[in-house]
Amino acid sequence: MATVDIWTYREQTWGATDLTGYSVEATDGGIGKVDEATNEVGGSYIVVDTGPWIFGKKVMLPAGVIDRVDAEDETIYVRLTKDEIKNAPEFDEARSKDEAYRAELGGYYGRGA
């Protein structure tokens, strides 16, 4: 059985699209907007600014948690609940390329992938 790489977009076209500014929907409602998106081979992710919902917290979501992208509505749907995102480690821009940080995030999000 193939495993999903948590750091890779399930659809290659998503990585070719600028997802910045897209709305992000958890399985149980909206959580914010994309502040930043990358398309690195084996290291793709989006950074979501949750705005007032979690008092301005930003979270880094590995590309593999994205369920689908609606380009027409500029909305990204993720396979996580609001609580899973709220309880995630906060985005640390200084560590975004750090393997240990990515392993920590991959471990957190990988449980539900």
PDB file of N, CA and C in Angstrom:
ATOM      1  N   MET A   1       0.847  -1.188   0.000  1.00  0.00           N
ATOM      2  CA  MET A   1       0.000   0.000   0.000  1.00  0.00           C
ATOM      3  C   MET A   1       0.888   1.245   0.000  1.00  0.00           C
ATOM      4  N   ALA A   2       0.572   2.162  -0.857  1.00  0.00           N
ATOM      5  CA  ALA A   2       1.381   3.386  -0.967  1.00  0.00           C
ATOM      6  C   ALA A   2       1.055   4.329   0.185  1.00  0.00           C
ATOM      7  N   THR A   3       2.073   4.991   0.670  1.00  0.00           N
ATOM      8  CA  THR A   3       1.842   5.983   1.717  1.00  0.00           C
ATOM      9  C   THR A   3       1.869   7.367   1.091  1.00  0.00           C
ATOM     10  N   VAL A   4       1.075   8.248   1.645  1.00  0.00           N
ATOM     11  CA  VAL A   4       1.016   9.613   1.146  1.00  0.00           C
ATOM     12  C   VAL A   4       2.193  10.384   1.728  1.00  0.00           C
ATOM     13  N   ASP A   5       2.953  11.044   0.879  1.00  0.00           N
ATOM     14  CA  ASP A   5       4.036  11.892   1.366  1.00  0.00           C
ATOM     15  C   ASP A   5       3.396  13.175   1.881  1.00  0.00           C
ATOM     16  N   ILE A   6       3.503  13.399   3.172  1.00  0.00           N
ATOM     17  CA  ILE A   6       2.846  14.544   3.814  1.00  0.00           C
ATOM     18  C   ILE A   6       3.338  15.885   3.263  1.00  0.00           C
ATOM     19  N   TRP A   7       4.525  15.913   2.657  1.00  0.00           N
ATOM     20  CA  TRP A   7       5.102  17.159   2.149  1.00  0.00           C
ATOM     21  C   TRP A   7       4.950  17.316   0.642  1.00  0.00           C
ATOM     22  N   THR A   8       4.040  16.565   0.031  1.00  0.00           N
ATOM     23  CA  THR A   8       3.834  16.639  -1.414  1.00  0.00           C
ATOM     24  C   THR A   8       2.358  16.865  -1.717  1.00  0.00           C
ATOM     25  N   TYR A   9       2.071  17.761  -2.660  1.00  0.00           N
ATOM     26  CA  TYR A   9       0.690  17.978  -3.085  1.00  0.00           C
ATOM     27  C   TYR A   9       0.161  16.708  -3.732  1.00  0.00           C
ATOM     28  N   ARG A  10      -1.068  16.331  -3.405  1.00  0.00           N
ATOM     29  CA  ARG A  10      -1.663  15.139  -4.013  1.00  0.00           C
ATOM     30  C   ARG A  10      -1.935  15.356  -5.494  1.00  0.00           C
ATOM     31  N   GLU A  11      -2.169  16.581  -5.880  1.00  0.00           N
ATOM     32  CA  GLU A  11      -2.371  16.923  -7.293  1.00  0.00           C
ATOM     33  C   GLU A  11      -1.264  17.900  -7.688  1.00  0.00           C
ATOM     34  N   GLN A  12      -0.478  17.548  -8.691  1.00  0.00           N
ATOM     35  CA  GLN A  12       0.649  18.403  -9.096  1.00  0.00           C
ATOM     36  C   GLN A  12       0.210  19.811  -9.487  1.00  0.00           C
ATOM     37  N   THR A  13      -0.992  19.945 -10.050  1.00  0.00           N
ATOM     38  CA  THR A  13      -1.459  21.263 -10.492  1.00  0.00           C
ATOM     39  C   THR A  13      -1.593  22.237  -9.337  1.00  0.00           C
ATOM     40  N   TRP A  14      -1.847  21.733  -8.115  1.00  0.00           N
ATOM     41  CA  TRP A  14      -1.983  22.625  -6.957  1.00  0.00           C
ATOM     42  C   TRP A  14      -0.676  23.362  -6.693  1.00  0.00           C
ATOM     43  N   GLY A  15       0.419  22.655  -6.831  1.00  0.00           N
ATOM     44  CA  GLY A  15       1.721  23.266  -6.598  1.00  0.00           C
ATOM     45  C   GLY A  15       2.088  24.284  -7.657  1.00  0.00           C
ATOM     46  N   ALA A  16       1.483  24.147  -8.844  1.00  0.00           N
ATOM     47  CA  ALA A  16       1.764  25.078  -9.946  1.00  0.00           C
ATOM     48  C   ALA A  16       0.911  26.341  -9.845  1.00  0.00           C
ATOM     49  N   THR A  17      -0.047  26.351  -8.934  1.00  0.00           N
ATOM     50  CA  THR A  17      -0.943  27.488  -8.743  1.00  0.00           C
ATOM     51  C   THR A  17      -0.453  28.321  -7.569  1.00  0.00           C
ATOM     52  N   ASP A  18      -0.554  29.644  -7.670  1.00  0.00           N
ATOM     53  CA  ASP A  18      -0.214  30.493  -6.522  1.00  0.00           C
ATOM     54  C   ASP A  18      -1.406  30.464  -5.575  1.00  0.00           C
ATOM     55  N   LEU A  19      -1.262  29.761  -4.465  1.00  0.00           N
ATOM     56  CA  LEU A  19      -2.353  29.584  -3.513  1.00  0.00           C
ATOM     57  C   LEU A  19      -2.444  30.708  -2.482  1.00  0.00           C
ATOM     58  N   THR A  20      -1.515  31.656  -2.537  1.00  0.00           N
ATOM     59  CA  THR A  20      -1.505  32.763  -1.590  1.00  0.00           C
ATOM     60  C   THR A  20      -2.828  33.528  -1.666  1.00  0.00           C
ATOM     61  N   GLY A  21      -3.425  33.769  -0.501  1.00  0.00           N
ATOM     62  CA  GLY A  21      -4.676  34.514  -0.434  1.00  0.00           C
ATOM     63  C   GLY A  21      -5.914  33.640  -0.483  1.00  0.00           C
ATOM     64  N   TYR A  22      -5.749  32.358  -0.816  1.00  0.00           N
ATOM     65  CA  TYR A  22      -6.894  31.450  -0.848  1.00  0.00           C
ATOM     66  C   TYR A  22      -7.442  31.270   0.571  1.00  0.00           C
ATOM     67  N   SER A  23      -8.744  31.076   0.683  1.00  0.00           N
ATOM     68  CA  SER A  23      -9.373  30.740   1.964  1.00  0.00           C
ATOM     69  C   SER A  23      -9.071  29.282   2.265  1.00  0.00           C
ATOM     70  N   VAL A  24      -9.011  28.952   3.554  1.00  0.00           N
ATOM     71  CA  VAL A  24      -8.749  27.571   3.960  1.00  0.00           C
ATOM     72  C   VAL A  24      -9.914  27.084   4.808  1.00  0.00           C
ATOM     73  N   GLU A  25     -10.441  25.929   4.421  1.00  0.00           N
ATOM     74  CA  GLU A  25     -11.571  25.319   5.115  1.00  0.00           C
ATOM     75  C   GLU A  25     -11.133  24.013   5.754  1.00  0.00           C
ATOM     76  N   ALA A  26     -11.348  23.903   7.067  1.00  0.00           N
ATOM     77  CA  ALA A  26     -11.150  22.635   7.761  1.00  0.00           C
ATOM     78  C   ALA A  26     -12.406  21.790   7.526  1.00  0.00           C
ATOM     79  N   THR A  27     -12.416  20.566   8.031  1.00  0.00           N
ATOM     80  CA  THR A  27     -13.582  19.710   7.825  1.00  0.00           C
ATOM     81  C   THR A  27     -14.815  20.278   8.516  1.00  0.00           C
ATOM     82  N   ASP A  28     -14.606  21.162   9.495  1.00  0.00           N
ATOM     83  CA  ASP A  28     -15.733  21.722  10.247  1.00  0.00           C
ATOM     84  C   ASP A  28     -15.812  23.246  10.163  1.00  0.00           C
ATOM     85  N   GLY A  29     -15.264  23.839   9.097  1.00  0.00           N
ATOM     86  CA  GLY A  29     -15.431  25.280   8.902  1.00  0.00           C
ATOM     87  C   GLY A  29     -14.155  26.008   8.535  1.00  0.00           C
ATOM     88  N   GLY A  30     -14.298  27.301   8.241  1.00  0.00           N
ATOM     89  CA  GLY A  30     -13.176  28.121   7.810  1.00  0.00           C
ATOM     90  C   GLY A  30     -12.178  28.384   8.916  1.00  0.00           C
ATOM     91  N   ILE A  31     -10.895  28.454   8.528  1.00  0.00           N
ATOM     92  CA  ILE A  31      -9.843  28.689   9.529  1.00  0.00           C
ATOM     93  C   ILE A  31      -8.940  29.862   9.197  1.00  0.00           C
ATOM     94  N   GLY A  32      -9.029  30.423   7.999  1.00  0.00           N
ATOM     95  CA  GLY A  32      -8.167  31.557   7.672  1.00  0.00           C
ATOM     96  C   GLY A  32      -7.808  31.603   6.212  1.00  0.00           C
ATOM     97  N   LYS A  33      -6.702  32.310   5.930  1.00  0.00           N
ATOM     98  CA  LYS A  33      -6.244  32.493   4.551  1.00  0.00           C
ATOM     99  C   LYS A  33      -4.783  32.082   4.431  1.00  0.00           C
ATOM    100  N   VAL A  34      -4.419  31.685   3.215  1.00  0.00           N
ATOM    101  CA  VAL A  34      -3.029  31.295   2.961  1.00  0.00           C
ATOM    102  C   VAL A  34      -2.164  32.545   2.913  1.00  0.00           C
ATOM    103  N   ASP A  35      -1.141  32.575   3.755  1.00  0.00           N
ATOM    104  CA  ASP A  35      -0.200  33.687   3.833  1.00  0.00           C
ATOM    105  C   ASP A  35       0.995  33.432   2.924  1.00  0.00           C
ATOM    106  N   GLU A  36       1.312  32.146   2.736  1.00  0.00           N
ATOM    107  CA  GLU A  36       2.494  31.754   1.965  1.00  0.00           C
ATOM    108  C   GLU A  36       2.291  30.318   1.497  1.00  0.00           C
ATOM    109  N   ALA A  37       2.791  30.003   0.312  1.00  0.00           N
ATOM    110  CA  ALA A  37       2.706  28.631  -0.196  1.00  0.00           C
ATOM    111  C   ALA A  37       3.996  28.304  -0.932  1.00  0.00           C
ATOM    112  N   THR A  38       4.473  27.070  -0.768  1.00  0.00           N
ATOM    113  CA  THR A  38       5.695  26.664  -1.453  1.00  0.00           C
ATOM    114  C   THR A  38       5.407  25.463  -2.345  1.00  0.00           C
ATOM    115  N   ASN A  39       6.295  25.261  -3.294  1.00  0.00           N
ATOM    116  CA  ASN A  39       6.205  24.094  -4.166  1.00  0.00           C
ATOM    117  C   ASN A  39       7.586  23.476  -4.279  1.00  0.00           C
ATOM    118  N   GLU A  40       8.122  23.034  -3.149  1.00  0.00           N
ATOM    119  CA  GLU A  40       9.430  22.383  -3.133  1.00  0.00           C
ATOM    120  C   GLU A  40       9.215  20.878  -3.241  1.00  0.00           C
ATOM    121  N   VAL A  41      10.009  20.218  -4.041  1.00  0.00           N
ATOM    122  CA  VAL A  41       9.888  18.771  -4.171  1.00  0.00           C
ATOM    123  C   VAL A  41      10.120  18.127  -2.800  1.00  0.00           C
ATOM    124  N   GLY A  42       9.126  17.390  -2.331  1.00  0.00           N
ATOM    125  CA  GLY A  42       9.229  16.719  -1.035  1.00  0.00           C
ATOM    126  C   GLY A  42       9.206  17.652   0.150  1.00  0.00           C
ATOM    127  N   GLY A  43       8.911  18.933  -0.056  1.00  0.00           N
ATOM    128  CA  GLY A  43       8.893  19.882   1.055  1.00  0.00           C
ATOM    129  C   GLY A  43       7.855  20.979   0.894  1.00  0.00           C
ATOM    130  N   SER A  44       6.760  20.681   0.206  1.00  0.00           N
ATOM    131  CA  SER A  44       5.737  21.700  -0.048  1.00  0.00           C
ATOM    132  C   SER A  44       4.828  21.885   1.169  1.00  0.00           C
ATOM    133  N   TYR A  45       4.419  23.119   1.378  1.00  0.00           N
ATOM    134  CA  TYR A  45       3.523  23.426   2.495  1.00  0.00           C
ATOM    135  C   TYR A  45       2.803  24.737   2.226  1.00  0.00           C
ATOM    136  N   ILE A  46       1.765  24.990   3.026  1.00  0.00           N
ATOM    137  CA  ILE A  46       1.110  26.294   3.031  1.00  0.00           C
ATOM    138  C   ILE A  46       1.190  26.831   4.452  1.00  0.00           C
ATOM    139  N   VAL A  47       1.276  28.141   4.581  1.00  0.00           N
ATOM    140  CA  VAL A  47       1.224  28.798   5.883  1.00  0.00           C
ATOM    141  C   VAL A  47      -0.117  29.511   5.941  1.00  0.00           C
ATOM    142  N   VAL A  48      -0.898  29.182   6.957  1.00  0.00           N
ATOM    143  CA  VAL A  48      -2.234  29.749   7.100  1.00  0.00           C
ATOM    144  C   VAL A  48      -2.235  30.772   8.221  1.00  0.00           C
ATOM    145  N   ASP A  49      -2.709  31.983   7.896  1.00  0.00           N
ATOM    146  CA  ASP A  49      -2.898  33.027   8.900  1.00  0.00           C
ATOM    147  C   ASP A  49      -4.318  32.856   9.412  1.00  0.00           C
ATOM    148  N   THR A  50      -4.453  32.437  10.663  1.00  0.00           N
ATOM    149  CA  THR A  50      -5.778  32.155  11.213  1.00  0.00           C
ATOM    150  C   THR A  50      -6.506  33.426  11.642  1.00  0.00           C
ATOM    151  N   GLY A  51      -5.819  34.577  11.556  1.00  0.00           N
ATOM    152  CA  GLY A  51      -6.467  35.855  11.878  1.00  0.00           C
ATOM    153  C   GLY A  51      -7.019  35.849  13.296  1.00  0.00           C
ATOM    154  N   PRO A  52      -8.174  36.466  13.500  1.00  0.00           N
ATOM    155  CA  PRO A  52      -8.718  36.568  14.855  1.00  0.00           C
ATOM    156  C   PRO A  52      -9.210  35.229  15.413  1.00  0.00           C
ATOM    157  N   TRP A  53      -9.365  34.220  14.530  1.00  0.00           N
ATOM    158  CA  TRP A  53      -9.896  32.943  15.002  1.00  0.00           C
ATOM    159  C   TRP A  53      -9.024  32.337  16.102  1.00  0.00           C
ATOM    160  N   ILE A  54      -7.700  32.336  15.934  1.00  0.00           N
ATOM    161  CA  ILE A  54      -6.794  31.899  17.020  1.00  0.00           C
ATOM    162  C   ILE A  54      -5.847  33.054  17.342  1.00  0.00           C
ATOM    163  N   PHE A  55      -6.364  34.259  17.400  1.00  0.00           N
ATOM    164  CA  PHE A  55      -5.586  35.444  17.765  1.00  0.00           C
ATOM    165  C   PHE A  55      -4.322  35.618  16.952  1.00  0.00           C
ATOM    166  N   GLY A  56      -4.450  35.522  15.631  1.00  0.00           N
ATOM    167  CA  GLY A  56      -3.329  35.832  14.752  1.00  0.00           C
ATOM    168  C   GLY A  56      -2.263  34.771  14.637  1.00  0.00           C
ATOM    169  N   LYS A  57      -2.524  33.588  15.146  1.00  0.00           N
ATOM    170  CA  LYS A  57      -1.554  32.501  15.038  1.00  0.00           C
ATOM    171  C   LYS A  57      -1.417  32.075  13.577  1.00  0.00           C
ATOM    172  N   LYS A  58      -0.202  31.751  13.185  1.00  0.00           N
ATOM    173  CA  LYS A  58       0.038  31.188  11.858  1.00  0.00           C
ATOM    174  C   LYS A  58       0.437  29.733  12.041  1.00  0.00           C
ATOM    175  N   VAL A  59      -0.053  28.893  11.149  1.00  0.00           N
ATOM    176  CA  VAL A  59       0.295  27.478  11.198  1.00  0.00           C
ATOM    177  C   VAL A  59       0.803  27.035   9.836  1.00  0.00           C
ATOM    178  N   MET A  60       1.748  26.113   9.866  1.00  0.00           N
ATOM    179  CA  MET A  60       2.326  25.556   8.646  1.00  0.00           C
ATOM    180  C   MET A  60       1.660  24.202   8.417  1.00  0.00           C
ATOM    181  N   LEU A  61       0.976  24.077   7.276  1.00  0.00           N
ATOM    182  CA  LEU A  61       0.304  22.820   6.962  1.00  0.00           C
ATOM    183  C   LEU A  61       1.034  22.126   5.812  1.00  0.00           C
ATOM    184  N   PRO A  62       1.505  20.900   6.032  1.00  0.00           N
ATOM    185  CA  PRO A  62       2.146  20.165   4.945  1.00  0.00           C
ATOM    186  C   PRO A  62       1.167  19.993   3.782  1.00  0.00           C
ATOM    187  N   ALA A  63       1.668  20.039   2.568  1.00  0.00           N
ATOM    188  CA  ALA A  63       0.820  19.956   1.374  1.00  0.00           C
ATOM    189  C   ALA A  63      -0.041  18.696   1.352  1.00  0.00           C
ATOM    190  N   GLY A  64       0.419  17.626   1.974  1.00  0.00           N
ATOM    191  CA  GLY A  64      -0.303  16.360   1.965  1.00  0.00           C
ATOM    192  C   GLY A  64      -1.615  16.364   2.716  1.00  0.00           C
ATOM    193  N   VAL A  65      -1.873  17.379   3.558  1.00  0.00           N
ATOM    194  CA  VAL A  65      -3.150  17.422   4.290  1.00  0.00           C
ATOM    195  C   VAL A  65      -4.247  18.085   3.456  1.00  0.00           C
ATOM    196  N   ILE A  66      -3.873  18.626   2.300  1.00  0.00           N
ATOM    197  CA  ILE A  66      -4.864  19.276   1.436  1.00  0.00           C
ATOM    198  C   ILE A  66      -5.702  18.196   0.750  1.00  0.00           C
ATOM    199  N   ASP A  67      -7.006  18.302   0.907  1.00  0.00           N
ATOM    200  CA  ASP A  67      -7.921  17.339   0.311  1.00  0.00           C
ATOM    201  C   ASP A  67      -8.271  17.740  -1.117  1.00  0.00           C
ATOM    202  N   ARG A  68      -8.582  19.032  -1.299  1.00  0.00           N
ATOM    203  CA  ARG A  68      -8.870  19.524  -2.651  1.00  0.00           C
ATOM    204  C   ARG A  68      -8.722  21.033  -2.695  1.00  0.00           C
ATOM    205  N   VAL A  69      -8.560  21.547  -3.907  1.00  0.00           N
ATOM    206  CA  VAL A  69      -8.424  22.985  -4.133  1.00  0.00           C
ATOM    207  C   VAL A  69      -9.491  23.394  -5.136  1.00  0.00           C
ATOM    208  N   ASP A  70     -10.271  24.390  -4.772  1.00  0.00           N
ATOM    209  CA  ASP A  70     -11.278  24.934  -5.685  1.00  0.00           C
ATOM    210  C   ASP A  70     -10.738  26.262  -6.201  1.00  0.00           C
ATOM    211  N   ALA A  71     -10.134  26.224  -7.401  1.00  0.00           N
ATOM    212  CA  ALA A  71      -9.505  27.420  -7.963  1.00  0.00           C
ATOM    213  C   ALA A  71     -10.531  28.504  -8.283  1.00  0.00           C
ATOM    214  N   GLU A  72     -11.733  28.100  -8.655  1.00  0.00           N
ATOM    215  CA  GLU A  72     -12.765  29.069  -9.001  1.00  0.00           C
ATOM    216  C   GLU A  72     -13.178  29.899  -7.788  1.00  0.00           C
ATOM    217  N   ASP A  73     -13.337  29.231  -6.644  1.00  0.00           N
ATOM    218  CA  ASP A  73     -13.716  29.917  -5.406  1.00  0.00           C
ATOM    219  C   ASP A  73     -12.504  30.358  -4.582  1.00  0.00           C
ATOM    220  N   GLU A  74     -11.292  30.002  -5.059  1.00  0.00           N
ATOM    221  CA  GLU A  74     -10.042  30.284  -4.339  1.00  0.00           C
ATOM    222  C   GLU A  74     -10.120  29.782  -2.896  1.00  0.00           C
ATOM    223  N   THR A  75     -10.479  28.512  -2.772  1.00  0.00           N
ATOM    224  CA  THR A  75     -10.615  27.877  -1.462  1.00  0.00           C
ATOM    225  C   THR A  75      -9.849  26.564  -1.449  1.00  0.00           C
ATOM    226  N   ILE A  76      -9.155  26.325  -0.341  1.00  0.00           N
ATOM    227  CA  ILE A  76      -8.426  25.078  -0.120  1.00  0.00           C
ATOM    228  C   ILE A  76      -9.150  24.328   0.991  1.00  0.00           C
ATOM    229  N   TYR A  77      -9.413  23.065   0.757  1.00  0.00           N
ATOM    230  CA  TYR A  77     -10.062  22.210   1.754  1.00  0.00           C
ATOM    231  C   TYR A  77      -9.026  21.244   2.304  1.00  0.00           C
ATOM    232  N   VAL A  78      -8.883  21.216   3.626  1.00  0.00           N
ATOM    233  CA  VAL A  78      -7.897  20.339   4.264  1.00  0.00           C
ATOM    234  C   VAL A  78      -8.610  19.244   5.055  1.00  0.00           C
ATOM    235  N   ARG A  79      -7.902  18.129   5.223  1.00  0.00           N
ATOM    236  CA  ARG A  79      -8.462  16.970   5.936  1.00  0.00           C
ATOM    237  C   ARG A  79      -8.158  17.049   7.421  1.00  0.00           C
ATOM    238  N   LEU A  80      -8.374  18.189   8.013  1.00  0.00           N
ATOM    239  CA  LEU A  80      -8.127  18.398   9.437  1.00  0.00           C
ATOM    240  C   LEU A  80      -9.310  19.149  10.037  1.00  0.00           C
ATOM    241  N   THR A  81      -9.526  18.965  11.336  1.00  0.00           N
ATOM    242  CA  THR A  81     -10.558  19.739  12.022  1.00  0.00           C
ATOM    243  C   THR A  81      -9.957  21.049  12.521  1.00  0.00           C
ATOM    244  N   LYS A  82     -10.823  21.961  12.894  1.00  0.00           N
ATOM    245  CA  LYS A  82     -10.346  23.229  13.460  1.00  0.00           C
ATOM    246  C   LYS A  82      -9.481  22.976  14.696  1.00  0.00           C
ATOM    247  N   ASP A  83      -9.899  22.052  15.557  1.00  0.00           N
ATOM    248  CA  ASP A  83      -9.125  21.762  16.770  1.00  0.00           C
ATOM    249  C   ASP A  83      -7.750  21.195  16.447  1.00  0.00           C
ATOM    250  N   GLU A  84      -7.672  20.324  15.435  1.00  0.00           N
ATOM    251  CA  GLU A  84      -6.367  19.771  15.057  1.00  0.00           C
ATOM    252  C   GLU A  84      -5.433  20.896  14.608  1.00  0.00           C
ATOM    253  N   ILE A  85      -5.979  21.870  13.910  1.00  0.00           N
ATOM    254  CA  ILE A  85      -5.168  22.995  13.442  1.00  0.00           C
ATOM    255  C   ILE A  85      -4.843  23.940  14.600  1.00  0.00           C
ATOM    256  N   LYS A  86      -5.826  24.193  15.444  1.00  0.00           N
ATOM    257  CA  LYS A  86      -5.620  25.088  16.591  1.00  0.00           C
ATOM    258  C   LYS A  86      -4.551  24.538  17.531  1.00  0.00           C
ATOM    259  N   ASN A  87      -4.507  23.207  17.690  1.00  0.00           N
ATOM    260  CA  ASN A  87      -3.564  22.579  18.614  1.00  0.00           C
ATOM    261  C   ASN A  87      -2.214  22.254  17.974  1.00  0.00           C
ATOM    262  N   ALA A  88      -2.067  22.587  16.695  1.00  0.00           N
ATOM    263  CA  ALA A  88      -0.818  22.306  15.985  1.00  0.00           C
ATOM    264  C   ALA A  88       0.307  23.208  16.490  1.00  0.00           C
ATOM    265  N   PRO A  89       1.549  22.772  16.302  1.00  0.00           N
ATOM    266  CA  PRO A  89       2.674  23.645  16.655  1.00  0.00           C
ATOM    267  C   PRO A  89       2.587  24.945  15.849  1.00  0.00           C
ATOM    268  N   GLU A  90       2.876  26.056  16.507  1.00  0.00           N
ATOM    269  CA  GLU A  90       2.817  27.352  15.818  1.00  0.00           C
ATOM    270  C   GLU A  90       3.914  27.443  14.759  1.00  0.00           C
ATOM    271  N   PHE A  91       3.604  28.145  13.677  1.00  0.00           N
ATOM    272  CA  PHE A  91       4.570  28.325  12.587  1.00  0.00           C
ATOM    273  C   PHE A  91       5.787  29.081  13.102  1.00  0.00           C
ATOM    274  N   ASP A  92       6.952  28.548  12.813  1.00  0.00           N
ATOM    275  CA  ASP A  92       8.219  29.170  13.201  1.00  0.00           C
ATOM    276  C   ASP A  92       9.011  29.394  11.920  1.00  0.00           C
ATOM    277  N   GLU A  93       8.919  30.611  11.383  1.00  0.00           N
ATOM    278  CA  GLU A  93       9.546  30.905  10.091  1.00  0.00           C
ATOM    279  C   GLU A  93      11.040  30.617  10.095  1.00  0.00           C
ATOM    280  N   ALA A  94      11.691  30.872  11.205  1.00  0.00           N
ATOM    281  CA  ALA A  94      13.139  30.658  11.292  1.00  0.00           C
ATOM    282  C   ALA A  94      13.491  29.175  11.152  1.00  0.00           C
ATOM    283  N   ARG A  95      12.547  28.299  11.496  1.00  0.00           N
ATOM    284  CA  ARG A  95      12.812  26.856  11.446  1.00  0.00           C
ATOM    285  C   ARG A  95      12.117  26.168  10.279  1.00  0.00           C
ATOM    286  N   SER A  96      11.480  26.919   9.373  1.00  0.00           N
ATOM    287  CA  SER A  96      10.656  26.311   8.331  1.00  0.00           C
ATOM    288  C   SER A  96      11.425  25.342   7.427  1.00  0.00           C
ATOM    289  N   LYS A  97      12.731  25.523   7.282  1.00  0.00           N
ATOM    290  CA  LYS A  97      13.544  24.630   6.447  1.00  0.00           C
ATOM    291  C   LYS A  97      14.271  23.563   7.274  1.00  0.00           C
ATOM    292  N   ASP A  98      14.111  23.623   8.581  1.00  0.00           N
ATOM    293  CA  ASP A  98      14.813  22.731   9.493  1.00  0.00           C
ATOM    294  C   ASP A  98      14.179  21.333   9.495  1.00  0.00           C
ATOM    295  N   GLU A  99      14.984  20.314   9.274  1.00  0.00           N
ATOM    296  CA  GLU A  99      14.474  18.940   9.195  1.00  0.00           C
ATOM    297  C   GLU A  99      13.797  18.497  10.495  1.00  0.00           C
ATOM    298  N   ALA A 100      14.349  18.873  11.641  1.00  0.00           N
ATOM    299  CA  ALA A 100      13.760  18.466  12.921  1.00  0.00           C
ATOM    300  C   ALA A 100      12.377  19.090  13.094  1.00  0.00           C
ATOM    301  N   TYR A 101      12.239  20.340  12.691  1.00  0.00           N
ATOM    302  CA  TYR A 101      10.948  21.038  12.773  1.00  0.00           C
ATOM    303  C   TYR A 101       9.937  20.365  11.850  1.00  0.00           C
ATOM    304  N   ARG A 102      10.378  20.061  10.631  1.00  0.00           N
ATOM    305  CA  ARG A 102       9.479  19.397   9.679  1.00  0.00           C
ATOM    306  C   ARG A 102       9.102  18.000  10.171  1.00  0.00           C
ATOM    307  N   ALA A 103      10.042  17.314  10.804  1.00  0.00           N
ATOM    308  CA  ALA A 103       9.748  15.987  11.344  1.00  0.00           C
ATOM    309  C   ALA A 103       8.698  16.096  12.454  1.00  0.00           C
ATOM    310  N   GLU A 104       8.820  17.134  13.277  1.00  0.00           N
ATOM    311  CA  GLU A 104       7.850  17.379  14.354  1.00  0.00           C
ATOM    312  C   GLU A 104       6.466  17.629  13.763  1.00  0.00           C
ATOM    313  N   LEU A 105       6.392  18.494  12.757  1.00  0.00           N
ATOM    314  CA  LEU A 105       5.109  18.786  12.118  1.00  0.00           C
ATOM    315  C   LEU A 105       4.576  17.558  11.387  1.00  0.00           C
ATOM    316  N   GLY A 106       5.449  16.846  10.695  1.00  0.00           N
ATOM    317  CA  GLY A 106       5.040  15.645   9.978  1.00  0.00           C
ATOM    318  C   GLY A 106       4.484  14.600  10.933  1.00  0.00           C
ATOM    319  N   GLY A 107       5.099  14.507  12.106  1.00  0.00           N
ATOM    320  CA  GLY A 107       4.614  13.581  13.122  1.00  0.00           C
ATOM    321  C   GLY A 107       3.238  13.983  13.624  1.00  0.00           C
ATOM    322  N   TYR A 108       3.041  15.279  13.814  1.00  0.00           N
ATOM    323  CA  TYR A 108       1.749  15.773  14.300  1.00  0.00           C
ATOM    324  C   TYR A 108       0.670  15.538  13.249  1.00  0.00           C
ATOM    325  N   TYR A 109       0.899  15.990  12.030  1.00  0.00           N
ATOM    326  CA  TYR A 109      -0.113  15.882  10.973  1.00  0.00           C
ATOM    327  C   TYR A 109      -0.206  14.490  10.382  1.00  0.00           C
ATOM    328  N   GLY A 110       0.882  13.737  10.441  1.00  0.00           N
ATOM    329  CA  GLY A 110       0.917  12.415   9.842  1.00  0.00           C
ATOM    330  C   GLY A 110      -0.039  11.434  10.481  1.00  0.00           C
ATOM    331  N   ARG A 111      -0.412  11.713  11.714  1.00  0.00           N
ATOM    332  CA  ARG A 111      -1.331  10.809  12.416  1.00  0.00           C
ATOM    333  C   ARG A 111      -2.681  10.745  11.712  1.00  0.00           C
ATOM    334  N   GLY A 112      -3.100  11.880  11.107  1.00  0.00           N
ATOM    335  CA  GLY A 112      -4.413  11.895  10.492  1.00  0.00           C
ATOM    336  C   GLY A 112      -4.388  11.704   8.987  1.00  0.00           C
ATOM    337  N   ALA A 113      -3.192  11.590   8.410  1.00  0.00           N
ATOM    338  CA  ALA A 113      -3.092  11.491   6.941  1.00  0.00           C
ATOM    339  C   ALA A 113      -3.456  10.106   6.457  1.00  0.00           C
TER     340      ALA A 113
END
